[in-house]
N, C-alpha and C. Protein backbone atom coordinates (compact mmCIF):
# COMPACT_ATOMS: atom_id res chain seq x y z
N MET A 1 -78.81 -43.49 70.66
CA MET A 1 -79.56 -42.06 71.55
C MET A 1 -79.42 -41.19 71.07
N PHE A 2 -77.81 -40.64 71.55
CA PHE A 2 -77.57 -38.80 70.79
C PHE A 2 -78.06 -38.69 69.85
N GLU A 3 -77.80 -39.33 68.85
CA GLU A 3 -78.27 -38.58 67.61
C GLU A 3 -79.12 -38.43 67.46
N GLN A 4 -80.33 -39.15 67.81
CA GLN A 4 -82.33 -39.23 68.26
C GLN A 4 -82.01 -37.61 69.15
N ASP A 5 -81.83 -37.20 70.30
CA ASP A 5 -81.86 -36.32 70.62
C ASP A 5 -81.30 -35.27 69.58
N TYR A 6 -80.17 -34.98 68.84
CA TYR A 6 -79.62 -34.23 68.88
C TYR A 6 -81.20 -34.12 67.29
N ILE A 7 -81.59 -34.75 66.50
CA ILE A 7 -82.20 -34.38 65.45
C ILE A 7 -83.52 -34.39 66.15
N MET A 8 -84.11 -34.87 67.16
CA MET A 8 -85.27 -33.84 68.28
C MET A 8 -84.56 -32.60 68.15
N ARG A 9 -84.36 -32.54 68.68
CA ARG A 9 -83.22 -30.65 69.34
C ARG A 9 -83.80 -29.67 67.94
N LEU A 10 -83.16 -30.34 67.11
CA LEU A 10 -82.94 -29.87 65.94
C LEU A 10 -84.96 -29.62 64.97
N ILE A 11 -85.02 -30.28 65.13
CA ILE A 11 -86.58 -30.04 64.93
C ILE A 11 -87.40 -29.62 65.45
N HIS A 12 -87.56 -29.22 66.76
CA HIS A 12 -88.06 -28.54 67.42
C HIS A 12 -87.24 -27.24 67.65
N GLU A 13 -85.93 -26.55 67.20
CA GLU A 13 -85.92 -25.42 66.93
C GLU A 13 -86.37 -25.17 65.81
N MET A 14 -86.58 -25.81 64.89
CA MET A 14 -86.89 -25.16 63.44
C MET A 14 -88.39 -25.08 63.65
N VAL A 15 -88.96 -25.68 63.92
CA VAL A 15 -90.64 -25.70 64.21
C VAL A 15 -90.72 -23.84 64.85
N ARG A 16 -90.19 -24.48 65.84
CA ARG A 16 -90.14 -22.86 66.45
C ARG A 16 -89.46 -21.89 65.68
N ALA A 17 -88.07 -22.05 65.31
CA ALA A 17 -88.08 -20.07 64.78
C ALA A 17 -88.74 -20.64 62.85
N PHE A 18 -89.25 -21.14 62.71
CA PHE A 18 -90.83 -20.82 61.71
C PHE A 18 -91.55 -20.35 62.23
N LEU A 19 -92.18 -20.35 63.73
CA LEU A 19 -93.94 -19.75 64.67
C LEU A 19 -93.08 -19.27 64.24
N LYS A 20 -92.50 -18.28 65.26
CA LYS A 20 -91.85 -17.31 65.57
C LYS A 20 -91.53 -16.08 64.49
N LEU A 21 -90.58 -16.59 63.48
CA LEU A 21 -90.44 -15.24 62.14
C LEU A 21 -91.80 -15.47 61.74
N ILE A 22 -92.19 -16.48 60.92
CA ILE A 22 -94.10 -15.91 59.89
C ILE A 22 -94.62 -16.18 60.74
N PHE A 23 -95.34 -16.64 61.71
CA PHE A 23 -96.22 -16.84 62.84
C PHE A 23 -96.98 -15.27 64.36
N ARG A 24 -95.11 -15.25 64.34
CA ARG A 24 -95.32 -14.42 65.80
C ARG A 24 -95.83 -15.09 66.48
N ILE A 25 -95.10 -16.23 66.70
CA ILE A 25 -95.89 -17.37 68.10
C ILE A 25 -94.31 -17.80 68.50
N ASP A 26 -95.16 -17.55 69.86
CA ASP A 26 -93.83 -18.24 70.71
C ASP A 26 -94.91 -20.22 70.99
N SER A 27 -93.46 -20.97 70.18
CA SER A 27 -93.65 -22.31 70.54
C SER A 27 -94.20 -22.66 72.07
N ASP A 28 -92.89 -22.30 72.56
CA ASP A 28 -93.10 -22.49 74.17
C ASP A 28 -94.54 -22.15 75.19
N ASN A 29 -95.53 -21.08 74.19
CA ASN A 29 -96.43 -20.41 74.84
C ASN A 29 -97.34 -21.19 74.62
N LYS A 30 -97.89 -22.05 74.93
CA LYS A 30 -99.07 -23.24 74.32
C LYS A 30 -100.59 -22.50 73.40
N GLU A 31 -100.88 -21.26 74.59
CA GLU A 31 -101.51 -20.16 74.29
C GLU A 31 -101.75 -19.81 72.90
N GLU A 32 -100.65 -19.22 72.66
CA GLU A 32 -100.41 -18.99 71.13
C GLU A 32 -101.02 -19.68 70.01
N LEU A 33 -100.60 -20.98 70.47
CA LEU A 33 -100.70 -22.56 69.15
C LEU A 33 -102.00 -22.73 69.21
N ILE A 34 -103.52 -21.51 69.99
CA ILE A 34 -104.57 -22.02 69.45
C ILE A 34 -105.06 -21.28 68.27
N PHE A 35 -106.66 -22.67 67.89
CA PHE A 35 -106.55 -21.50 66.97
C PHE A 35 -107.58 -20.77 66.78
N ASP A 36 -107.55 -19.53 66.49
CA ASP A 36 -108.80 -18.44 66.47
C ASP A 36 -109.59 -18.85 66.11
N GLU A 37 -110.99 -18.09 66.21
CA GLU A 37 -112.46 -18.52 65.93
C GLU A 37 -112.41 -19.01 64.00
N LYS A 38 -111.58 -17.76 63.14
CA LYS A 38 -111.51 -17.73 62.25
C LYS A 38 -110.65 -18.64 61.31
N GLU A 39 -110.35 -20.32 62.33
CA GLU A 39 -109.59 -21.37 61.76
C GLU A 39 -109.91 -23.20 62.79
N LYS A 40 -111.59 -22.19 62.91
CA LYS A 40 -112.37 -23.69 63.47
C LYS A 40 -111.67 -24.66 61.94
N GLU A 41 -112.31 -24.71 61.43
CA GLU A 41 -111.63 -25.57 60.01
C GLU A 41 -110.06 -26.31 60.25
N GLU A 42 -109.60 -25.32 60.04
CA GLU A 42 -107.78 -25.77 60.66
C GLU A 42 -108.10 -26.70 61.40
N GLU A 43 -108.52 -25.73 62.74
CA GLU A 43 -108.32 -26.65 64.03
C GLU A 43 -109.10 -28.31 63.72
N GLU A 44 -110.04 -28.30 62.97
CA GLU A 44 -110.62 -30.37 62.79
C GLU A 44 -109.11 -30.50 62.17
N LYS A 45 -109.10 -30.62 61.11
CA LYS A 45 -108.32 -31.22 60.17
C LYS A 45 -107.30 -31.27 60.97
N TYR A 46 -106.15 -30.63 62.27
CA TYR A 46 -105.01 -31.07 62.83
C TYR A 46 -105.54 -32.13 64.18
N THR A 47 -106.68 -32.37 64.51
CA THR A 47 -107.27 -32.57 65.46
C THR A 47 -106.92 -33.77 65.14
N LYS A 48 -108.12 -34.46 63.53
CA LYS A 48 -107.79 -35.56 63.23
C LYS A 48 -106.82 -36.28 63.24
N LEU A 49 -106.01 -35.37 62.62
CA LEU A 49 -104.50 -35.73 62.22
C LEU A 49 -103.95 -36.14 63.44
N LEU A 50 -104.23 -35.69 64.79
CA LEU A 50 -103.13 -35.69 65.62
C LEU A 50 -103.57 -37.21 66.07
N ASN A 51 -105.43 -37.27 66.01
CA ASN A 51 -105.66 -38.28 66.36
C ASN A 51 -105.60 -40.10 65.80
N LEU A 52 -104.90 -39.50 64.52
CA LEU A 52 -104.40 -40.53 63.79
C LEU A 52 -103.28 -40.91 64.24
N ILE A 53 -102.29 -40.51 64.96
CA ILE A 53 -100.79 -40.58 65.43
C ILE A 53 -100.96 -40.54 65.98
N ASP A 54 -102.35 -40.48 67.45
CA ASP A 54 -102.00 -41.29 68.51
C ASP A 54 -102.64 -43.13 68.01
N GLU A 55 -103.11 -43.09 67.55
CA GLU A 55 -103.49 -44.83 66.62
C GLU A 55 -102.28 -45.44 66.51
N GLY A 56 -101.04 -44.37 66.01
CA GLY A 56 -100.24 -45.20 65.30
C GLY A 56 -100.14 -45.59 63.98
N GLU A 57 -100.92 -44.58 63.44
CA GLU A 57 -101.62 -43.67 62.01
C GLU A 57 -100.64 -42.95 61.57
N ILE A 58 -99.49 -43.00 61.25
CA ILE A 58 -98.34 -42.15 61.12
C ILE A 58 -98.08 -41.58 59.88
N ASN A 59 -98.20 -42.91 59.33
CA ASN A 59 -97.54 -42.29 57.09
C ASN A 59 -99.13 -41.93 57.52
N GLU A 60 -100.24 -42.41 57.34
CA GLU A 60 -101.21 -42.41 57.20
C GLU A 60 -101.83 -40.77 57.18
N ALA A 61 -101.08 -40.48 58.94
CA ALA A 61 -101.30 -39.31 59.02
C ALA A 61 -101.19 -38.19 58.45
N GLU A 62 -99.88 -38.37 57.82
CA GLU A 62 -98.97 -37.53 56.78
C GLU A 62 -99.29 -37.45 55.98
N ASN A 63 -99.20 -38.46 55.03
CA ASN A 63 -100.08 -38.27 54.17
C ASN A 63 -101.31 -37.53 53.42
N LYS A 64 -102.12 -37.75 54.73
CA LYS A 64 -103.37 -36.63 54.77
C LYS A 64 -102.71 -35.35 55.32
N LEU A 65 -101.84 -35.02 55.63
CA LEU A 65 -101.58 -33.60 55.70
C LEU A 65 -100.66 -33.35 54.24
N LEU A 66 -99.83 -33.87 53.60
CA LEU A 66 -99.20 -33.46 52.68
C LEU A 66 -100.17 -33.59 51.59
N ASN A 67 -101.15 -34.48 51.51
CA ASN A 67 -101.90 -34.07 50.31
C ASN A 67 -102.80 -33.33 50.43
N ASP A 68 -102.98 -32.22 51.22
CA ASP A 68 -103.78 -31.26 51.69
C ASP A 68 -102.84 -29.63 51.98
N LEU A 69 -101.45 -30.26 51.81
CA LEU A 69 -100.99 -29.10 51.46
C LEU A 69 -101.56 -27.40 50.34
N ASN A 70 -101.61 -26.56 49.99
CA ASN A 70 -101.97 -25.81 48.93
C ASN A 70 -100.75 -24.04 49.89
N PRO A 71 -99.76 -23.94 49.43
CA PRO A 71 -99.07 -23.20 49.04
C PRO A 71 -99.84 -21.09 49.60
N LYS A 72 -100.78 -21.21 48.61
CA LYS A 72 -101.59 -19.72 49.15
C LYS A 72 -102.45 -19.85 50.10
N ASP A 73 -102.05 -21.26 51.15
CA ASP A 73 -102.79 -21.14 52.60
C ASP A 73 -102.14 -21.16 53.11
N ILE A 74 -101.78 -20.22 53.79
CA ILE A 74 -100.15 -20.32 54.52
C ILE A 74 -100.96 -20.22 56.73
N GLN A 75 -101.75 -20.33 56.71
CA GLN A 75 -101.99 -21.19 58.17
C GLN A 75 -102.33 -22.47 58.23
N TYR A 76 -102.20 -23.28 56.44
CA TYR A 76 -102.13 -24.70 56.75
C TYR A 76 -100.44 -25.24 57.30
N PHE A 77 -99.92 -23.96 56.62
CA PHE A 77 -98.24 -24.27 57.30
C PHE A 77 -98.32 -24.23 58.11
N LYS A 78 -98.69 -23.11 59.36
CA LYS A 78 -98.51 -23.54 60.61
C LYS A 78 -99.60 -24.68 60.69
N THR A 79 -100.08 -25.54 60.55
CA THR A 79 -100.54 -26.88 60.92
C THR A 79 -99.73 -27.58 61.02
N ALA A 80 -99.01 -27.38 59.57
CA ALA A 80 -97.97 -28.66 59.46
C ALA A 80 -96.81 -28.53 60.48
N LEU A 81 -96.68 -27.11 61.14
CA LEU A 81 -95.54 -27.53 61.62
C LEU A 81 -95.60 -28.04 63.05
N MET A 82 -96.99 -27.82 63.50
CA MET A 82 -97.36 -28.03 64.67
C MET A 82 -97.75 -29.31 64.54
N PHE A 83 -97.81 -29.65 63.71
CA PHE A 83 -98.32 -31.67 63.85
C PHE A 83 -96.83 -31.57 63.29
N TYR A 84 -95.48 -31.50 62.58
CA TYR A 84 -93.89 -32.30 63.45
C TYR A 84 -93.71 -31.48 64.08
N SER A 85 -94.10 -31.02 65.00
CA SER A 85 -93.56 -30.61 66.69
C SER A 85 -94.77 -31.55 67.33
N TYR A 86 -95.26 -32.34 66.99
CA TYR A 86 -96.59 -33.17 67.61
C TYR A 86 -95.50 -34.27 67.87
N LEU A 87 -95.51 -34.80 66.59
CA LEU A 87 -94.98 -35.96 66.21
C LEU A 87 -93.49 -36.45 66.66
N ASN A 88 -92.70 -35.41 66.39
CA ASN A 88 -92.05 -34.93 67.01
C ASN A 88 -91.58 -35.11 69.01
N GLY A 89 -92.65 -34.82 68.84
CA GLY A 89 -92.85 -34.99 70.91
C GLY A 89 -92.73 -36.22 71.41
N LYS A 90 -93.70 -37.10 70.23
CA LYS A 90 -93.38 -38.78 70.59
C LYS A 90 -92.26 -39.36 71.07
N ASP A 91 -92.35 -39.71 71.92
CA ASP A 91 -90.90 -41.14 72.35
C ASP A 91 -90.45 -42.10 70.96
N THR A 92 -89.25 -42.26 70.92
CA THR A 92 -88.40 -43.33 69.42
C THR A 92 -88.94 -44.43 69.27
N ASP A 93 -89.16 -44.68 70.91
CA ASP A 93 -89.88 -46.11 70.82
C ASP A 93 -91.43 -46.30 69.74
N PHE A 94 -92.13 -45.36 70.55
CA PHE A 94 -93.18 -45.42 69.62
C PHE A 94 -93.50 -44.86 68.28
N LEU A 95 -92.35 -44.41 67.51
CA LEU A 95 -92.53 -43.92 66.19
C LEU A 95 -91.67 -45.22 65.96
N GLU A 96 -90.28 -45.75 66.75
CA GLU A 96 -90.24 -47.32 65.46
C GLU A 96 -91.05 -48.29 65.77
N GLU A 97 -92.03 -48.29 66.36
CA GLU A 97 -93.28 -49.77 66.73
C GLU A 97 -93.89 -49.26 65.60
N HIS A 98 -94.25 -47.75 64.96
CA HIS A 98 -94.69 -47.48 63.98
C HIS A 98 -93.95 -47.22 62.72
N ASP A 99 -93.74 -47.33 62.69
CA ASP A 99 -92.41 -47.69 61.28
C ASP A 99 -92.64 -46.17 61.02
N PHE A 100 -91.30 -45.37 61.86
CA PHE A 100 -91.51 -44.25 61.73
C PHE A 100 -90.20 -43.71 62.54
N SER A 101 -89.44 -42.43 61.44
CA SER A 101 -88.37 -42.80 62.60
C SER A 101 -88.10 -40.61 62.37
N ARG A 102 -87.37 -39.96 63.66
CA ARG A 102 -87.09 -38.64 63.67
C ARG A 102 -86.60 -38.22 62.68
N LYS A 103 -85.87 -38.40 61.12
CA LYS A 103 -85.04 -37.80 60.03
C LYS A 103 -86.08 -38.16 59.24
N GLU A 104 -86.99 -39.24 59.22
CA GLU A 104 -88.33 -38.22 58.25
C GLU A 104 -88.51 -37.91 58.82
N ILE A 105 -89.46 -37.73 59.81
CA ILE A 105 -89.92 -35.99 60.66
C ILE A 105 -88.93 -35.00 60.02
N MET A 106 -88.10 -35.42 59.75
CA MET A 106 -86.93 -33.92 59.41
C MET A 106 -87.91 -33.59 57.90
N GLU A 107 -87.45 -34.96 57.31
CA GLU A 107 -87.77 -34.71 55.90
C GLU A 107 -89.01 -34.09 55.33
N GLY A 108 -89.52 -35.10 56.71
CA GLY A 108 -91.10 -33.84 55.79
C GLY A 108 -91.46 -33.03 56.37
N LEU A 109 -90.98 -32.22 56.97
CA LEU A 109 -90.84 -31.24 57.80
C LEU A 109 -89.67 -30.05 56.33
N LYS A 110 -88.72 -30.44 55.57
CA LYS A 110 -87.89 -30.22 55.40
C LYS A 110 -89.18 -29.89 53.40
N HIS A 111 -89.99 -30.77 53.11
CA HIS A 111 -90.24 -31.02 52.34
C HIS A 111 -91.38 -29.71 52.53
N VAL A 112 -92.47 -29.86 53.42
CA VAL A 112 -93.16 -28.28 53.59
C VAL A 112 -92.77 -27.56 53.16
N ALA A 113 -91.74 -27.27 54.03
CA ALA A 113 -91.02 -25.59 53.89
C ALA A 113 -91.26 -25.45 52.31
N ALA A 114 -90.46 -26.17 51.58
CA ALA A 114 -90.37 -26.08 50.37
C ALA A 114 -91.02 -25.85 49.57
N VAL A 115 -92.66 -26.51 49.97
CA VAL A 115 -93.55 -26.60 49.19
C VAL A 115 -94.43 -24.56 49.53
N TYR A 116 -94.02 -24.36 51.27
CA TYR A 116 -94.78 -22.88 50.77
C TYR A 116 -93.48 -22.15 50.23
N GLY A 117 -91.98 -22.12 49.75
CA GLY A 117 -91.57 -20.82 49.38
C GLY A 117 -90.41 -21.05 50.40
N TYR A 118 -90.17 -21.85 52.05
CA TYR A 118 -88.78 -21.32 52.72
C TYR A 118 -87.79 -22.99 52.80
N GLU A 119 -87.77 -23.20 51.36
CA GLU A 119 -86.79 -24.14 51.54
C GLU A 119 -85.22 -23.50 52.01
N SER A 120 -85.12 -22.99 51.70
CA SER A 120 -83.47 -22.19 51.91
C SER A 120 -83.78 -21.60 53.04
N MET A 121 -84.55 -20.96 53.56
CA MET A 121 -84.79 -21.00 55.25
C MET A 121 -84.81 -21.95 55.52
N ALA A 122 -85.47 -23.38 55.49
CA ALA A 122 -85.12 -24.14 56.14
C ALA A 122 -83.75 -24.62 56.12
N GLU A 123 -83.19 -24.45 55.40
CA GLU A 123 -81.75 -25.33 55.01
C GLU A 123 -80.55 -24.47 55.66
N VAL A 124 -81.10 -22.96 55.89
CA VAL A 124 -80.32 -21.83 56.00
C VAL A 124 -80.09 -22.62 57.97
N LEU A 125 -81.46 -22.68 58.79
CA LEU A 125 -81.88 -22.92 59.86
C LEU A 125 -81.24 -24.14 60.81
N LEU A 126 -81.30 -25.17 59.37
CA LEU A 126 -80.49 -26.11 59.98
C LEU A 126 -78.66 -26.74 59.92
N SER A 127 -78.30 -26.09 59.13
CA SER A 127 -77.12 -25.25 59.15
C SER A 127 -76.58 -24.92 60.12
N MET A 128 -77.72 -23.05 60.24
CA MET A 128 -76.84 -22.76 62.23
C MET A 128 -76.97 -23.39 62.99
N MET A 129 -78.52 -24.55 63.19
CA MET A 129 -78.33 -25.38 64.42
C MET A 129 -77.49 -26.09 64.51
N SER A 130 -77.11 -26.24 62.82
CA SER A 130 -76.01 -28.08 63.19
C SER A 130 -74.28 -27.41 63.42
N GLU A 131 -74.25 -25.98 63.23
CA GLU A 131 -72.54 -25.54 63.75
C GLU A 131 -72.54 -25.68 65.22
């Protein structure tokens, strides 16, 4: 239980740091996470991904997210960060029931960071947070 809570906090803080540093968004302020008018297509994709998660289709949702990654589309990086944050908010029982784990969330987050060129930043954040 302690390890799960620890990983959950690491994921939360990592997403929070990326959103703050790259997008100047405070993830604790939900209004700042809302998509603007130019991002309606991203919002639709994000909503579909969240619906899949809620239906227990976590692996399918993550596969769709990863298939749409485009290192030239930085706004999709924000979508991916919010996706993993939302997934991280699910309780451990829900994740286990649908064959997913917090470690898989962390690995997915690190993979997405690497695709967008932030792999070393992710490693630094993780090492700082784990001290």
